[in-house]
């Protein structure tokens, strides 16, 4: 009988188990090594857009690479040799409109579910979520047909979140002590 055809010898199952555990520890370490820094959040969370202060609900979507924000009247322009964008953000809770001007970081081509590509301007915004202030890039698009005005994609989620897909609203956007510290120490 060749070694391949021979029955398993005494001790081989234990060795196999040890090797399997070692393989798991070596190759899964990056996934669990950082968990102390990551917050467990639901697939929908409360967030606050900073400047202007606008509370909004955010869908956390690890299937999307880029974050996006619901805005209207997107106007691109150049000023001082830089690319800018002016847009209107409506607070869905109060109905108040905020006109915002930001430097355009880039333009992304987002592939829609139907396969078409859509060009969107991208700006940097500060967002408070799960007690953290994050500066992130958001693409600007009319999301009025969607339930949540802010979609946070995996690029920003990797900085702070582990998503519990069975829950919502596991955290609060409690960044105001951080904001007070920042305003006291400009």
N, C-alpha and C. Protein backbone atom coordinates (compact mmCIF):
# COMPACT_ATOMS: atom_id res chain seq x y z
N UNK A 1 0.84 -1.17 0.00
CA UNK A 1 0.00 0.00 0.00
C UNK A 1 0.89 1.25 0.00
N UNK A 2 0.57 2.17 -0.84
CA UNK A 2 1.34 3.42 -0.84
C UNK A 2 0.90 4.30 0.32
N UNK A 3 1.71 5.31 0.62
CA UNK A 3 1.39 6.21 1.74
C UNK A 3 0.05 6.90 1.51
N UNK A 4 -0.26 7.22 0.29
CA UNK A 4 -1.52 7.90 -0.02
C UNK A 4 -2.71 6.99 0.28
N UNK A 5 -2.58 5.71 -0.02
CA UNK A 5 -3.68 4.78 0.18
C UNK A 5 -3.74 4.24 1.61
N UNK A 6 -2.71 4.47 2.42
CA UNK A 6 -2.68 3.87 3.75
C UNK A 6 -3.64 4.58 4.69
N UNK A 7 -4.16 3.88 5.66
CA UNK A 7 -5.02 4.53 6.65
C UNK A 7 -4.20 5.53 7.47
N UNK A 8 -4.88 6.55 8.02
CA UNK A 8 -4.22 7.60 8.80
C UNK A 8 -3.56 6.98 10.03
N UNK A 9 -2.31 7.37 10.26
CA UNK A 9 -1.58 6.83 11.40
C UNK A 9 -1.96 7.58 12.67
N UNK A 10 -1.69 6.95 13.80
CA UNK A 10 -1.97 7.51 15.11
C UNK A 10 -1.21 8.84 15.27
N UNK A 11 -1.87 9.89 15.71
CA UNK A 11 -1.21 11.19 15.91
C UNK A 11 -1.39 12.16 14.77
N UNK A 12 -1.71 11.67 13.57
CA UNK A 12 -1.87 12.57 12.43
C UNK A 12 -3.07 13.51 12.58
N UNK A 13 -4.21 13.07 13.12
CA UNK A 13 -5.32 14.03 13.28
C UNK A 13 -4.96 15.18 14.21
N UNK A 14 -4.23 14.89 15.28
CA UNK A 14 -3.83 15.95 16.21
C UNK A 14 -2.87 16.92 15.53
N UNK A 15 -1.93 16.42 14.76
CA UNK A 15 -0.99 17.29 14.04
C UNK A 15 -1.73 18.16 13.04
N UNK A 16 -2.68 17.55 12.34
CA UNK A 16 -3.48 18.31 11.37
C UNK A 16 -4.24 19.44 12.07
N UNK A 17 -4.82 19.15 13.24
CA UNK A 17 -5.56 20.17 13.99
C UNK A 17 -4.65 21.31 14.42
N UNK A 18 -3.47 20.98 14.89
CA UNK A 18 -2.52 22.01 15.31
C UNK A 18 -2.12 22.88 14.13
N UNK A 19 -1.82 22.25 13.00
CA UNK A 19 -1.45 23.02 11.80
C UNK A 19 -2.60 23.90 11.33
N UNK A 20 -3.81 23.40 11.42
CA UNK A 20 -4.98 24.19 11.02
C UNK A 20 -5.14 25.42 11.92
N UNK A 21 -4.99 25.26 13.21
CA UNK A 21 -5.09 26.38 14.15
C UNK A 21 -3.98 27.39 13.88
N UNK A 22 -2.77 26.92 13.67
CA UNK A 22 -1.65 27.84 13.37
C UNK A 22 -1.91 28.62 12.08
N UNK A 23 -2.41 27.94 11.07
CA UNK A 23 -2.72 28.61 9.80
C UNK A 23 -3.76 29.71 10.03
N UNK A 24 -4.79 29.37 10.80
CA UNK A 24 -5.84 30.35 11.10
C UNK A 24 -5.26 31.57 11.81
N UNK A 25 -4.43 31.35 12.81
CA UNK A 25 -3.86 32.46 13.57
C UNK A 25 -2.97 33.35 12.71
N UNK A 26 -2.19 32.76 11.85
CA UNK A 26 -1.28 33.54 11.01
C UNK A 26 -2.04 34.35 9.98
N UNK A 27 -2.99 33.71 9.30
CA UNK A 27 -3.63 34.39 8.18
C UNK A 27 -4.86 35.20 8.56
N UNK A 28 -5.39 35.03 9.75
CA UNK A 28 -6.53 35.84 10.15
C UNK A 28 -6.13 36.96 11.10
N UNK A 29 -4.88 37.03 11.50
CA UNK A 29 -4.42 38.04 12.46
C UNK A 29 -4.76 39.46 12.03
N UNK A 30 -4.54 39.84 10.77
CA UNK A 30 -4.88 41.22 10.41
C UNK A 30 -6.35 41.53 10.62
N UNK A 31 -7.23 40.56 10.50
CA UNK A 31 -8.65 40.81 10.64
C UNK A 31 -9.04 41.09 12.09
N UNK A 32 -8.40 40.43 13.06
CA UNK A 32 -8.81 40.64 14.44
C UNK A 32 -7.82 41.47 15.24
N UNK A 33 -6.68 41.77 14.71
CA UNK A 33 -5.67 42.50 15.48
C UNK A 33 -6.10 43.91 15.81
N UNK A 34 -6.91 44.53 14.99
CA UNK A 34 -7.27 45.93 15.15
C UNK A 34 -8.63 46.12 15.81
N UNK A 35 -9.32 45.07 16.18
CA UNK A 35 -10.69 45.20 16.66
C UNK A 35 -10.84 46.12 17.85
N UNK A 36 -9.79 46.32 18.65
CA UNK A 36 -9.89 47.23 19.78
C UNK A 36 -10.13 48.66 19.35
N UNK A 37 -9.75 49.01 18.15
CA UNK A 37 -9.92 50.36 17.63
C UNK A 37 -11.21 50.52 16.85
N UNK A 38 -11.88 49.44 16.55
CA UNK A 38 -13.07 49.49 15.71
C UNK A 38 -14.32 49.44 16.58
N UNK A 39 -15.32 50.18 16.15
CA UNK A 39 -16.61 50.28 16.83
C UNK A 39 -17.60 49.35 16.15
N UNK A 40 -18.37 48.59 16.92
CA UNK A 40 -19.44 47.78 16.34
C UNK A 40 -20.64 48.70 16.14
N UNK A 41 -21.08 48.79 14.90
CA UNK A 41 -22.19 49.68 14.53
C UNK A 41 -23.22 48.89 13.74
N UNK A 42 -24.42 49.43 13.68
CA UNK A 42 -25.47 48.83 12.87
C UNK A 42 -25.35 49.24 11.43
N UNK A 43 -26.18 48.66 10.58
CA UNK A 43 -26.12 49.00 9.16
C UNK A 43 -26.75 50.36 8.87
N UNK A 44 -27.46 50.93 9.85
CA UNK A 44 -27.94 52.31 9.78
C UNK A 44 -27.58 52.97 11.10
N UNK A 45 -26.99 54.15 11.04
CA UNK A 45 -26.58 54.87 12.24
C UNK A 45 -26.92 56.35 12.08
N UNK A 46 -27.01 57.05 13.23
CA UNK A 46 -27.15 58.49 13.23
C UNK A 46 -25.77 59.12 13.04
N UNK A 47 -25.73 60.18 12.28
CA UNK A 47 -24.48 60.90 12.03
C UNK A 47 -24.79 62.39 12.05
N UNK A 48 -23.76 63.20 12.15
CA UNK A 48 -23.91 64.65 12.07
C UNK A 48 -22.87 65.14 11.08
N UNK A 49 -23.34 65.84 10.08
CA UNK A 49 -22.44 66.51 9.15
C UNK A 49 -21.95 67.77 9.86
N UNK A 50 -20.67 68.01 9.85
CA UNK A 50 -20.11 69.19 10.50
C UNK A 50 -19.87 70.26 9.45
N UNK A 51 -20.26 71.47 9.73
CA UNK A 51 -20.06 72.62 8.85
C UNK A 51 -20.74 72.46 7.50
N UNK A 52 -22.06 72.62 7.51
CA UNK A 52 -22.94 73.02 8.60
C UNK A 52 -23.33 71.82 9.46
N UNK A 53 -23.79 72.12 10.69
CA UNK A 53 -24.24 71.05 11.58
C UNK A 53 -25.61 70.56 11.11
N UNK A 54 -25.61 69.38 10.51
CA UNK A 54 -26.86 68.80 10.01
C UNK A 54 -26.91 67.34 10.44
N UNK A 55 -27.87 66.98 11.30
CA UNK A 55 -28.02 65.57 11.67
C UNK A 55 -28.64 64.80 10.51
N UNK A 56 -28.15 63.60 10.30
CA UNK A 56 -28.73 62.77 9.25
C UNK A 56 -28.53 61.30 9.56
N UNK A 57 -29.33 60.48 8.92
CA UNK A 57 -29.19 59.05 9.07
C UNK A 57 -28.28 58.55 7.95
N UNK A 58 -27.38 57.63 8.32
CA UNK A 58 -26.41 57.10 7.37
C UNK A 58 -26.59 55.61 7.20
N UNK A 59 -26.59 55.17 5.97
CA UNK A 59 -26.56 53.74 5.67
C UNK A 59 -25.09 53.36 5.54
N UNK A 60 -24.67 52.33 6.26
CA UNK A 60 -23.29 51.86 6.21
C UNK A 60 -23.26 50.68 5.25
N UNK A 61 -22.57 50.86 4.14
CA UNK A 61 -22.63 49.90 3.04
C UNK A 61 -21.22 49.45 2.64
N UNK A 62 -20.82 48.29 3.12
CA UNK A 62 -19.48 47.79 2.78
C UNK A 62 -19.40 47.33 1.34
N UNK A 63 -20.53 47.23 0.66
CA UNK A 63 -20.53 46.87 -0.76
C UNK A 63 -20.20 48.04 -1.67
N UNK A 64 -20.29 49.25 -1.13
CA UNK A 64 -19.96 50.46 -1.91
C UNK A 64 -18.56 50.92 -1.52
N UNK A 65 -17.76 51.25 -2.47
CA UNK A 65 -16.41 51.73 -2.16
C UNK A 65 -16.45 53.17 -1.68
N UNK A 66 -17.20 54.01 -2.37
CA UNK A 66 -17.23 55.44 -2.12
C UNK A 66 -18.46 55.83 -1.32
N UNK A 67 -18.32 56.84 -0.47
CA UNK A 67 -19.45 57.40 0.26
C UNK A 67 -20.17 58.39 -0.64
N UNK A 68 -21.45 58.62 -0.37
CA UNK A 68 -22.19 59.61 -1.15
C UNK A 68 -23.17 60.37 -0.26
N UNK A 69 -23.47 61.60 -0.69
CA UNK A 69 -24.30 62.51 0.08
C UNK A 69 -25.41 63.05 -0.81
N UNK A 70 -26.62 63.12 -0.25
CA UNK A 70 -27.79 63.63 -0.97
C UNK A 70 -27.73 65.15 -1.05
N UNK A 71 -27.56 65.67 -2.25
CA UNK A 71 -27.54 67.11 -2.48
C UNK A 71 -28.31 67.43 -3.75
N UNK A 72 -28.60 68.72 -3.92
CA UNK A 72 -29.29 69.21 -5.11
C UNK A 72 -28.51 70.37 -5.70
N UNK A 73 -28.81 70.70 -6.92
CA UNK A 73 -28.27 71.87 -7.61
C UNK A 73 -26.74 71.89 -7.54
N UNK A 74 -26.16 70.92 -8.15
CA UNK A 74 -24.70 70.83 -8.16
C UNK A 74 -24.17 71.73 -9.28
N UNK A 75 -23.32 72.67 -8.91
CA UNK A 75 -22.75 73.61 -9.88
C UNK A 75 -21.24 73.56 -9.76
N UNK A 76 -20.57 73.11 -10.82
CA UNK A 76 -19.11 73.06 -10.84
C UNK A 76 -18.60 74.38 -11.42
N UNK A 77 -17.47 74.86 -10.85
CA UNK A 77 -16.86 76.07 -11.38
C UNK A 77 -15.39 76.10 -11.02
N UNK A 78 -14.65 77.01 -11.66
CA UNK A 78 -13.22 77.20 -11.39
C UNK A 78 -13.02 78.58 -10.78
N UNK A 79 -12.12 78.63 -9.79
CA UNK A 79 -11.81 79.89 -9.15
C UNK A 79 -10.39 79.78 -8.62
N UNK A 80 -9.55 80.76 -8.95
CA UNK A 80 -8.17 80.76 -8.47
C UNK A 80 -7.38 79.55 -8.97
N UNK A 81 -7.71 79.05 -10.15
CA UNK A 81 -7.02 77.90 -10.70
C UNK A 81 -7.41 76.57 -10.10
N UNK A 82 -8.41 76.58 -9.19
CA UNK A 82 -8.87 75.34 -8.56
C UNK A 82 -10.28 75.00 -9.02
N UNK A 83 -10.63 73.74 -8.86
CA UNK A 83 -11.97 73.27 -9.21
C UNK A 83 -12.83 73.26 -7.95
N UNK A 84 -14.02 73.86 -8.05
CA UNK A 84 -14.92 73.97 -6.91
C UNK A 84 -16.29 73.42 -7.29
N UNK A 85 -17.11 73.22 -6.27
CA UNK A 85 -18.49 72.81 -6.51
C UNK A 85 -19.37 73.48 -5.46
N UNK A 86 -20.51 73.97 -5.91
CA UNK A 86 -21.52 74.57 -5.04
C UNK A 86 -22.74 73.66 -5.10
N UNK A 87 -23.30 73.37 -3.93
CA UNK A 87 -24.46 72.49 -3.89
C UNK A 87 -25.36 72.86 -2.72
N UNK A 88 -26.58 72.36 -2.77
CA UNK A 88 -27.55 72.62 -1.71
C UNK A 88 -27.85 71.30 -0.99
N UNK A 89 -27.73 71.37 0.32
CA UNK A 89 -28.03 70.23 1.18
C UNK A 89 -29.28 70.58 1.98
N UNK A 90 -30.28 69.75 1.90
CA UNK A 90 -31.52 69.98 2.65
C UNK A 90 -31.54 69.09 3.88
N UNK A 91 -31.75 69.71 5.03
CA UNK A 91 -31.93 68.97 6.28
C UNK A 91 -33.31 68.32 6.19
N UNK A 92 -33.36 67.03 6.11
CA UNK A 92 -34.63 66.32 5.93
C UNK A 92 -35.54 66.45 7.15
N UNK A 93 -34.98 66.70 8.31
CA UNK A 93 -35.80 66.83 9.52
C UNK A 93 -36.46 68.20 9.62
N UNK A 94 -35.73 69.27 9.29
CA UNK A 94 -36.26 70.62 9.45
C UNK A 94 -36.71 71.25 8.13
N UNK A 95 -36.22 70.72 7.01
CA UNK A 95 -36.52 71.30 5.71
C UNK A 95 -35.62 72.47 5.36
N UNK A 96 -34.72 72.84 6.25
CA UNK A 96 -33.83 73.97 6.01
C UNK A 96 -32.77 73.61 4.96
N UNK A 97 -32.54 74.56 4.03
CA UNK A 97 -31.52 74.38 3.01
C UNK A 97 -30.22 75.02 3.43
N UNK A 98 -29.11 74.37 3.10
CA UNK A 98 -27.77 74.88 3.35
C UNK A 98 -27.03 74.91 2.02
N UNK A 99 -26.53 76.07 1.62
CA UNK A 99 -25.72 76.17 0.42
C UNK A 99 -24.26 76.02 0.84
N UNK A 100 -23.59 75.06 0.23
CA UNK A 100 -22.23 74.71 0.62
C UNK A 100 -21.33 74.84 -0.61
N UNK A 101 -20.14 75.37 -0.39
CA UNK A 101 -19.12 75.45 -1.44
C UNK A 101 -17.89 74.71 -0.94
N UNK A 102 -17.40 73.77 -1.74
CA UNK A 102 -16.21 72.99 -1.38
C UNK A 102 -15.32 72.85 -2.62
N UNK A 103 -14.03 72.71 -2.34
CA UNK A 103 -13.10 72.41 -3.42
C UNK A 103 -13.38 70.98 -3.89
N UNK A 104 -13.42 70.81 -5.20
CA UNK A 104 -13.66 69.49 -5.77
C UNK A 104 -12.34 68.71 -5.75
N UNK A 105 -12.34 67.57 -5.07
CA UNK A 105 -11.15 66.75 -4.94
C UNK A 105 -10.89 65.98 -6.22
N UNK A 106 -11.96 65.44 -6.79
CA UNK A 106 -11.87 64.64 -8.01
C UNK A 106 -13.27 64.38 -8.52
N UNK A 107 -13.35 63.69 -9.62
CA UNK A 107 -14.63 63.23 -10.15
C UNK A 107 -14.54 61.72 -10.28
N UNK A 108 -15.58 61.03 -9.83
CA UNK A 108 -15.59 59.56 -9.92
C UNK A 108 -16.66 59.12 -10.91
N UNK A 109 -16.42 57.98 -11.51
CA UNK A 109 -17.41 57.35 -12.38
C UNK A 109 -17.99 56.18 -11.60
N UNK A 110 -19.25 56.31 -11.21
CA UNK A 110 -19.92 55.27 -10.43
C UNK A 110 -20.75 54.42 -11.39
N UNK A 111 -20.58 53.10 -11.29
CA UNK A 111 -21.36 52.18 -12.11
C UNK A 111 -22.68 51.92 -11.40
N UNK A 112 -23.77 52.25 -12.07
CA UNK A 112 -25.11 52.06 -11.52
C UNK A 112 -25.51 50.58 -11.61
N UNK A 113 -26.60 50.23 -10.91
CA UNK A 113 -27.08 48.85 -10.93
C UNK A 113 -27.44 48.39 -12.33
N UNK A 114 -27.88 49.32 -13.18
CA UNK A 114 -28.26 48.94 -14.54
C UNK A 114 -27.06 48.91 -15.49
N UNK A 115 -25.85 49.15 -14.96
CA UNK A 115 -24.64 49.06 -15.77
C UNK A 115 -24.16 50.38 -16.35
N UNK A 116 -24.96 51.43 -16.27
CA UNK A 116 -24.53 52.72 -16.81
C UNK A 116 -23.55 53.38 -15.84
N UNK A 117 -22.70 54.25 -16.38
CA UNK A 117 -21.72 54.97 -15.56
C UNK A 117 -22.20 56.39 -15.35
N UNK A 118 -21.99 56.89 -14.15
CA UNK A 118 -22.43 58.23 -13.79
C UNK A 118 -21.24 58.99 -13.19
N UNK A 119 -20.93 60.16 -13.75
CA UNK A 119 -19.82 60.98 -13.24
C UNK A 119 -20.35 61.83 -12.09
N UNK A 120 -19.61 61.83 -10.97
CA UNK A 120 -20.02 62.59 -9.79
C UNK A 120 -18.83 63.37 -9.24
N UNK A 121 -19.08 64.63 -8.85
CA UNK A 121 -18.01 65.37 -8.17
C UNK A 121 -17.82 64.82 -6.76
N UNK A 122 -16.58 64.89 -6.27
CA UNK A 122 -16.25 64.40 -4.93
C UNK A 122 -15.64 65.55 -4.14
N UNK A 123 -16.11 65.72 -2.90
CA UNK A 123 -15.59 66.75 -2.00
C UNK A 123 -15.27 66.09 -0.66
N UNK A 124 -14.47 66.79 0.15
CA UNK A 124 -14.18 66.31 1.50
C UNK A 124 -15.17 66.96 2.46
N UNK A 125 -15.68 66.14 3.38
CA UNK A 125 -16.61 66.62 4.41
C UNK A 125 -16.21 65.99 5.73
N UNK A 126 -16.50 66.70 6.82
CA UNK A 126 -16.30 66.14 8.15
C UNK A 126 -17.63 65.61 8.66
N UNK A 127 -17.57 64.40 9.20
CA UNK A 127 -18.77 63.72 9.67
C UNK A 127 -18.49 63.19 11.07
N UNK A 128 -19.46 63.35 11.94
CA UNK A 128 -19.39 62.76 13.28
C UNK A 128 -20.28 61.53 13.26
N UNK A 129 -19.69 60.39 13.61
CA UNK A 129 -20.44 59.14 13.70
C UNK A 129 -19.78 58.26 14.75
N UNK A 130 -20.58 57.62 15.57
CA UNK A 130 -20.10 56.70 16.61
C UNK A 130 -19.04 57.35 17.48
N UNK A 131 -19.24 58.64 17.80
CA UNK A 131 -18.32 59.35 18.68
C UNK A 131 -17.00 59.72 18.05
N UNK A 132 -16.89 59.61 16.74
CA UNK A 132 -15.63 59.93 16.04
C UNK A 132 -15.87 60.99 14.98
N UNK A 133 -14.90 61.86 14.84
CA UNK A 133 -14.95 62.85 13.77
C UNK A 133 -14.07 62.33 12.65
N UNK A 134 -14.67 62.15 11.49
CA UNK A 134 -13.96 61.62 10.34
C UNK A 134 -14.01 62.62 9.19
N UNK A 135 -12.88 62.86 8.57
CA UNK A 135 -12.88 63.62 7.32
C UNK A 135 -12.88 62.58 6.21
N UNK A 136 -13.86 62.66 5.35
CA UNK A 136 -13.99 61.66 4.30
C UNK A 136 -14.41 62.29 2.99
N UNK A 137 -14.11 61.61 1.92
CA UNK A 137 -14.57 62.04 0.61
C UNK A 137 -15.98 61.51 0.38
N UNK A 138 -16.84 62.38 -0.15
CA UNK A 138 -18.19 61.96 -0.51
C UNK A 138 -18.47 62.40 -1.94
N UNK A 139 -19.11 61.52 -2.68
CA UNK A 139 -19.58 61.92 -4.01
C UNK A 139 -20.93 62.58 -3.84
N UNK A 140 -21.20 63.57 -4.65
CA UNK A 140 -22.43 64.35 -4.54
C UNK A 140 -23.44 63.86 -5.57
N UNK A 141 -24.65 63.55 -5.09
CA UNK A 141 -25.68 63.00 -5.97
C UNK A 141 -27.04 63.24 -5.33
N UNK A 142 -28.06 63.31 -6.14
CA UNK A 142 -29.43 63.41 -5.63
C UNK A 142 -29.85 62.03 -5.13
N UNK A 143 -29.95 61.89 -3.80
CA UNK A 143 -30.37 60.63 -3.16
C UNK A 143 -31.77 60.78 -2.57
N UNK A 144 -32.54 61.73 -3.07
CA UNK A 144 -33.86 62.00 -2.47
C UNK A 144 -34.80 60.80 -2.57
N UNK A 145 -34.56 59.90 -3.51
CA UNK A 145 -35.40 58.70 -3.63
C UNK A 145 -35.04 57.63 -2.61
N UNK A 146 -33.92 57.81 -1.92
CA UNK A 146 -33.45 56.82 -0.96
C UNK A 146 -33.84 57.22 0.46
N UNK A 147 -33.92 56.25 1.35
CA UNK A 147 -34.30 56.50 2.74
C UNK A 147 -33.25 57.27 3.51
N UNK A 148 -31.99 57.11 3.14
CA UNK A 148 -30.90 57.66 3.94
C UNK A 148 -30.09 58.65 3.09
N UNK A 149 -29.95 59.88 3.57
CA UNK A 149 -29.25 60.90 2.78
C UNK A 149 -27.74 60.69 2.68
N UNK A 150 -27.17 59.89 3.58
CA UNK A 150 -25.73 59.66 3.58
C UNK A 150 -25.48 58.16 3.47
N UNK A 151 -24.62 57.79 2.53
CA UNK A 151 -24.18 56.42 2.41
C UNK A 151 -22.68 56.42 2.69
N UNK A 152 -22.26 55.63 3.66
CA UNK A 152 -20.84 55.52 3.97
C UNK A 152 -20.31 54.22 3.39
N UNK A 153 -19.33 54.33 2.50
CA UNK A 153 -18.74 53.17 1.84
C UNK A 153 -17.56 52.60 2.59
N UNK A 154 -17.03 51.51 2.08
CA UNK A 154 -16.00 50.75 2.81
C UNK A 154 -14.70 51.51 2.99
N UNK A 155 -14.39 52.49 2.15
CA UNK A 155 -13.15 53.24 2.32
C UNK A 155 -13.13 53.92 3.68
N UNK A 156 -14.21 54.58 4.08
CA UNK A 156 -14.26 55.24 5.38
C UNK A 156 -14.62 54.26 6.49
N UNK A 157 -15.42 53.25 6.19
CA UNK A 157 -15.81 52.28 7.22
C UNK A 157 -14.59 51.53 7.77
N UNK A 158 -13.61 51.27 6.93
CA UNK A 158 -12.41 50.54 7.35
C UNK A 158 -11.67 51.29 8.46
N UNK A 159 -11.86 52.61 8.56
CA UNK A 159 -11.18 53.42 9.57
C UNK A 159 -11.74 53.21 10.98
N UNK A 160 -13.03 52.83 11.08
CA UNK A 160 -13.63 52.86 12.41
C UNK A 160 -14.66 51.77 12.71
N UNK A 161 -15.15 51.02 11.74
CA UNK A 161 -16.36 50.25 11.97
C UNK A 161 -16.28 48.77 11.66
N UNK A 162 -16.97 48.01 12.49
CA UNK A 162 -17.37 46.64 12.20
C UNK A 162 -18.89 46.69 12.15
N UNK A 163 -19.48 46.26 11.06
CA UNK A 163 -20.92 46.38 10.89
C UNK A 163 -21.63 45.12 11.36
N UNK A 164 -22.63 45.31 12.24
CA UNK A 164 -23.53 44.24 12.64
C UNK A 164 -24.75 44.36 11.72
N UNK A 165 -24.87 43.51 10.71
CA UNK A 165 -25.94 43.67 9.72
C UNK A 165 -27.34 43.40 10.25
N UNK A 166 -27.45 42.86 11.46
CA UNK A 166 -28.76 42.58 12.04
C UNK A 166 -29.28 43.68 12.94
N UNK A 167 -28.52 44.77 13.06
CA UNK A 167 -28.91 45.83 13.99
C UNK A 167 -28.78 47.21 13.37
N UNK A 168 -29.48 48.16 13.98
CA UNK A 168 -29.38 49.57 13.59
C UNK A 168 -29.22 50.41 14.85
N UNK A 169 -28.67 51.57 14.69
CA UNK A 169 -28.56 52.58 15.76
C UNK A 169 -27.90 52.02 17.03
N UNK A 170 -26.71 51.46 16.88
CA UNK A 170 -25.96 50.92 18.01
C UNK A 170 -25.06 51.97 18.66
N UNK A 171 -24.93 53.13 18.03
CA UNK A 171 -24.04 54.17 18.56
C UNK A 171 -24.72 55.52 18.45
N UNK A 172 -24.09 56.50 19.04
CA UNK A 172 -24.57 57.88 18.96
C UNK A 172 -23.47 58.75 18.37
N UNK A 173 -23.84 59.77 17.62
CA UNK A 173 -22.82 60.67 17.05
C UNK A 173 -22.39 61.71 18.08
N UNK A 174 -21.84 61.26 19.19
CA UNK A 174 -21.50 62.14 20.30
C UNK A 174 -20.07 62.66 20.15
N UNK A 175 -19.91 63.68 19.31
CA UNK A 175 -18.58 64.25 19.05
C UNK A 175 -18.43 65.62 19.68
N UNK A 176 -19.41 66.08 20.39
CA UNK A 176 -19.37 67.46 20.84
C UNK A 176 -18.30 67.75 21.87
N UNK A 177 -17.90 66.81 22.74
CA UNK A 177 -16.72 67.10 23.58
C UNK A 177 -15.46 67.30 22.72
N UNK A 178 -15.31 66.51 21.67
CA UNK A 178 -14.16 66.64 20.76
C UNK A 178 -14.21 68.00 20.05
N UNK A 179 -15.40 68.41 19.67
CA UNK A 179 -15.53 69.71 18.99
C UNK A 179 -15.19 70.84 19.94
N UNK A 180 -15.59 70.74 21.21
CA UNK A 180 -15.28 71.78 22.19
C UNK A 180 -13.77 71.85 22.41
N UNK A 181 -13.11 70.69 22.49
CA UNK A 181 -11.66 70.67 22.65
C UNK A 181 -10.98 71.30 21.44
N UNK A 182 -11.50 71.03 20.24
CA UNK A 182 -10.89 71.57 19.04
C UNK A 182 -11.07 73.07 18.95
N UNK A 183 -12.23 73.60 19.36
CA UNK A 183 -12.44 75.03 19.29
C UNK A 183 -11.66 75.76 20.37
N UNK A 184 -11.40 75.09 21.50
CA UNK A 184 -10.62 75.70 22.57
C UNK A 184 -9.12 75.75 22.22
N UNK A 185 -8.68 74.83 21.36
CA UNK A 185 -7.27 74.76 20.95
C UNK A 185 -7.17 74.85 19.43
N UNK A 186 -7.37 76.03 18.84
CA UNK A 186 -7.39 76.12 17.37
C UNK A 186 -6.06 75.84 16.74
